[in-house]
Amino acid sequence: MHRRISITLPDETLRLLDRVVKKGDRSRLIAEAVRSYVHGVGKAGLRKQLKEGYQRNAKRSRRIAEEWFPLDEEAWQRSGR
C-alpha cells in the first residue's frame, strides 16, 4: 500500500535527487533512503547500547574471568592441548 504525502526539500537536495533518478522514481529512491537510514540508525543505537553495557560491566566481567581462570587453565591442561 502506498500513500501520497507532501514534503519539501531544499533546492540542492532536489537537484541531487534528479541527477540520480528520473522524476517518476523519486518516491522509490526516497523510500529506500529512509529504510537505509533507519536501519543504520538502529544498528548504531544497538552498538552504542552494547558498548555502554560492556563498559558498565567491565569490572564485574573481569573479576569473574579472573576467578574462573585457574579452573579453566587446569581443565585445558588436563585435556592435553
N, C-alpha and C. Protein backbone atom coordinates (compact mmCIF):
# COMPACT_ATOMS: atom_id res chain seq x y z
N MET A 1 0.84 -1.18 0.00
CA MET A 1 0.00 0.00 0.00
C MET A 1 0.89 1.25 0.00
N HIS A 2 0.53 2.20 -0.78
CA HIS A 2 1.26 3.46 -0.86
C HIS A 2 0.33 4.60 -0.48
N ARG A 3 0.91 5.64 0.10
CA ARG A 3 0.15 6.83 0.44
C ARG A 3 0.86 8.03 -0.15
N ARG A 4 0.10 8.97 -0.59
CA ARG A 4 0.65 10.20 -1.13
C ARG A 4 0.83 11.18 0.02
N ILE A 5 2.03 11.76 0.09
CA ILE A 5 2.31 12.78 1.10
C ILE A 5 2.96 13.97 0.39
N SER A 6 3.02 15.04 1.09
CA SER A 6 3.67 16.23 0.54
C SER A 6 4.88 16.54 1.41
N ILE A 7 6.04 16.68 0.79
CA ILE A 7 7.25 17.03 1.52
C ILE A 7 7.91 18.22 0.84
N THR A 8 8.73 18.90 1.57
CA THR A 8 9.52 19.98 0.99
C THR A 8 10.98 19.62 1.14
N LEU A 9 11.74 19.87 0.11
CA LEU A 9 13.16 19.60 0.10
C LEU A 9 13.90 20.86 -0.33
N PRO A 10 15.09 21.03 0.18
CA PRO A 10 15.90 22.15 -0.31
C PRO A 10 16.18 21.99 -1.81
N ASP A 11 16.34 23.09 -2.51
CA ASP A 11 16.59 23.04 -3.96
C ASP A 11 17.78 22.14 -4.28
N GLU A 12 18.86 22.26 -3.52
CA GLU A 12 20.06 21.46 -3.79
C GLU A 12 19.76 19.97 -3.65
N THR A 13 18.97 19.59 -2.65
CA THR A 13 18.62 18.18 -2.46
C THR A 13 17.80 17.68 -3.64
N LEU A 14 16.88 18.48 -4.10
CA LEU A 14 16.06 18.09 -5.25
C LEU A 14 16.92 17.94 -6.50
N ARG A 15 17.89 18.84 -6.69
CA ARG A 15 18.79 18.72 -7.85
C ARG A 15 19.59 17.42 -7.76
N LEU A 16 20.07 17.09 -6.58
CA LEU A 16 20.81 15.83 -6.40
C LEU A 16 19.92 14.63 -6.71
N LEU A 17 18.71 14.68 -6.21
CA LEU A 17 17.75 13.60 -6.45
C LEU A 17 17.49 13.43 -7.94
N ASP A 18 17.29 14.53 -8.64
CA ASP A 18 17.00 14.48 -10.07
C ASP A 18 18.21 14.03 -10.90
N ARG A 19 19.42 14.23 -10.36
CA ARG A 19 20.61 13.74 -11.08
C ARG A 19 20.70 12.22 -11.01
N VAL A 20 20.14 11.64 -9.96
CA VAL A 20 20.29 10.21 -9.72
C VAL A 20 19.12 9.40 -10.30
N VAL A 21 17.91 9.93 -10.24
CA VAL A 21 16.73 9.19 -10.71
C VAL A 21 15.85 10.06 -11.59
N LYS A 22 15.03 9.37 -12.37
CA LYS A 22 14.03 10.08 -13.15
C LYS A 22 12.93 10.55 -12.20
N LYS A 23 12.19 11.57 -12.59
CA LYS A 23 11.16 12.13 -11.73
C LYS A 23 10.14 11.09 -11.29
N GLY A 24 9.84 10.11 -12.10
CA GLY A 24 8.87 9.07 -11.72
C GLY A 24 9.41 8.11 -10.68
N ASP A 25 10.72 8.09 -10.46
CA ASP A 25 11.32 7.17 -9.49
C ASP A 25 11.73 7.83 -8.18
N ARG A 26 11.38 9.08 -8.00
CA ARG A 26 11.75 9.80 -6.77
C ARG A 26 11.24 9.08 -5.52
N SER A 27 9.98 8.70 -5.54
CA SER A 27 9.37 8.09 -4.36
C SER A 27 10.10 6.81 -3.97
N ARG A 28 10.46 6.00 -4.96
CA ARG A 28 11.15 4.74 -4.69
C ARG A 28 12.50 5.02 -4.04
N LEU A 29 13.24 5.97 -4.58
CA LEU A 29 14.55 6.28 -4.02
C LEU A 29 14.43 6.85 -2.60
N ILE A 30 13.47 7.73 -2.39
CA ILE A 30 13.28 8.29 -1.05
C ILE A 30 12.89 7.19 -0.06
N ALA A 31 12.01 6.28 -0.47
CA ALA A 31 11.62 5.17 0.41
C ALA A 31 12.83 4.31 0.76
N GLU A 32 13.66 3.99 -0.23
CA GLU A 32 14.87 3.20 0.02
C GLU A 32 15.84 3.93 0.94
N ALA A 33 15.98 5.23 0.73
CA ALA A 33 16.89 6.02 1.56
C ALA A 33 16.42 6.06 3.01
N VAL A 34 15.12 6.20 3.21
CA VAL A 34 14.58 6.23 4.57
C VAL A 34 14.80 4.88 5.24
N ARG A 35 14.51 3.78 4.54
CA ARG A 35 14.74 2.44 5.12
C ARG A 35 16.21 2.25 5.47
N SER A 36 17.09 2.65 4.59
CA SER A 36 18.53 2.51 4.83
C SER A 36 18.97 3.34 6.02
N TYR A 37 18.48 4.56 6.11
CA TYR A 37 18.82 5.44 7.22
C TYR A 37 18.35 4.85 8.55
N VAL A 38 17.11 4.42 8.59
CA VAL A 38 16.54 3.88 9.82
C VAL A 38 17.29 2.61 10.22
N HIS A 39 17.61 1.78 9.27
CA HIS A 39 18.37 0.56 9.55
C HIS A 39 19.74 0.91 10.12
N GLY A 40 20.41 1.88 9.55
CA GLY A 40 21.72 2.31 10.03
C GLY A 40 21.67 2.92 11.42
N VAL A 41 20.66 3.74 11.66
CA VAL A 41 20.49 4.36 12.97
C VAL A 41 20.21 3.28 14.02
N GLY A 42 19.41 2.30 13.64
CA GLY A 42 19.11 1.20 14.56
C GLY A 42 20.36 0.43 14.94
N LYS A 43 21.21 0.14 13.96
CA LYS A 43 22.46 -0.57 14.24
C LYS A 43 23.38 0.27 15.11
N ALA A 44 23.46 1.56 14.81
CA ALA A 44 24.33 2.44 15.60
C ALA A 44 23.83 2.51 17.04
N GLY A 45 22.52 2.58 17.22
CA GLY A 45 21.96 2.62 18.57
C GLY A 45 22.24 1.34 19.33
N LEU A 46 22.12 0.22 18.65
CA LEU A 46 22.41 -1.06 19.29
C LEU A 46 23.88 -1.15 19.67
N ARG A 47 24.77 -0.74 18.75
CA ARG A 47 26.21 -0.73 19.06
C ARG A 47 26.50 0.13 20.30
N LYS A 48 25.86 1.29 20.36
CA LYS A 48 26.07 2.20 21.49
C LYS A 48 25.60 1.55 22.79
N GLN A 49 24.43 0.92 22.76
CA GLN A 49 23.91 0.27 23.95
C GLN A 49 24.82 -0.88 24.39
N LEU A 50 25.29 -1.67 23.44
CA LEU A 50 26.19 -2.78 23.78
C LEU A 50 27.49 -2.26 24.39
N LYS A 51 28.06 -1.24 23.76
CA LYS A 51 29.30 -0.67 24.27
C LYS A 51 29.13 -0.14 25.69
N GLU A 52 28.04 0.59 25.92
CA GLU A 52 27.79 1.11 27.26
C GLU A 52 27.61 -0.01 28.27
N GLY A 53 26.94 -1.06 27.87
CA GLY A 53 26.75 -2.20 28.77
C GLY A 53 28.06 -2.89 29.09
N TYR A 54 28.89 -3.09 28.07
CA TYR A 54 30.20 -3.70 28.30
C TYR A 54 31.03 -2.84 29.24
N GLN A 55 31.02 -1.55 29.02
CA GLN A 55 31.80 -0.65 29.88
C GLN A 55 31.26 -0.64 31.31
N ARG A 56 29.96 -0.66 31.43
CA ARG A 56 29.34 -0.64 32.75
C ARG A 56 29.67 -1.91 33.54
N ASN A 57 29.77 -3.05 32.84
CA ASN A 57 30.00 -4.34 33.49
C ASN A 57 31.44 -4.82 33.40
N ALA A 58 32.35 -3.98 32.94
CA ALA A 58 33.73 -4.42 32.69
C ALA A 58 34.40 -4.95 33.96
N LYS A 59 34.29 -4.25 35.06
CA LYS A 59 34.94 -4.69 36.30
C LYS A 59 34.38 -6.04 36.74
N ARG A 60 33.09 -6.17 36.71
CA ARG A 60 32.45 -7.43 37.11
C ARG A 60 32.87 -8.58 36.20
N SER A 61 32.87 -8.33 34.90
CA SER A 61 33.26 -9.37 33.95
C SER A 61 34.71 -9.79 34.15
N ARG A 62 35.57 -8.82 34.39
CA ARG A 62 36.99 -9.13 34.61
C ARG A 62 37.17 -9.94 35.90
N ARG A 63 36.46 -9.55 36.95
CA ARG A 63 36.56 -10.28 38.22
C ARG A 63 36.12 -11.73 38.04
N ILE A 64 35.03 -11.95 37.34
CA ILE A 64 34.54 -13.31 37.09
C ILE A 64 35.56 -14.10 36.29
N ALA A 65 36.11 -13.49 35.25
CA ALA A 65 37.11 -14.17 34.42
C ALA A 65 38.33 -14.54 35.25
N GLU A 66 38.78 -13.63 36.12
CA GLU A 66 39.94 -13.90 36.96
C GLU A 66 39.65 -15.02 37.96
N GLU A 67 38.42 -15.06 38.48
CA GLU A 67 38.06 -16.12 39.44
C GLU A 67 38.04 -17.49 38.78
N TRP A 68 37.59 -17.55 37.56
CA TRP A 68 37.45 -18.83 36.87
C TRP A 68 38.71 -19.24 36.11
N PHE A 69 39.65 -18.34 35.91
CA PHE A 69 40.83 -18.65 35.11
C PHE A 69 41.59 -19.88 35.60
N PRO A 70 41.86 -20.03 36.92
CA PRO A 70 42.60 -21.22 37.36
C PRO A 70 41.90 -22.53 36.99
N LEU A 71 40.59 -22.56 37.10
CA LEU A 71 39.85 -23.78 36.74
C LEU A 71 39.89 -24.03 35.23
N ASP A 72 39.75 -22.97 34.46
CA ASP A 72 39.84 -23.10 33.00
C ASP A 72 41.22 -23.58 32.60
N GLU A 73 42.24 -23.03 33.22
CA GLU A 73 43.62 -23.41 32.91
C GLU A 73 43.85 -24.88 33.25
N GLU A 74 43.37 -25.31 34.40
CA GLU A 74 43.53 -26.71 34.81
C GLU A 74 42.81 -27.65 33.84
N ALA A 75 41.60 -27.32 33.48
CA ALA A 75 40.85 -28.14 32.54
C ALA A 75 41.53 -28.20 31.18
N TRP A 76 42.07 -27.09 30.75
CA TRP A 76 42.78 -27.04 29.46
C TRP A 76 44.01 -27.94 29.49
N GLN A 77 44.75 -27.89 30.58
CA GLN A 77 45.97 -28.71 30.69
C GLN A 77 45.62 -30.20 30.79
N ARG A 78 44.55 -30.55 31.48
CA ARG A 78 44.13 -31.94 31.58
C ARG A 78 43.69 -32.50 30.25
N SER A 79 43.18 -31.63 29.39
CA SER A 79 42.70 -32.12 28.08
C SER A 79 43.86 -32.45 27.16
N GLY A 80 45.09 -32.09 27.55
CA GLY A 80 46.26 -32.43 26.75
C GLY A 80 46.52 -31.53 25.59
N ARG A 81 45.96 -30.40 25.60
CA ARG A 81 46.15 -29.47 24.46
C ARG A 81 47.38 -28.67 24.63
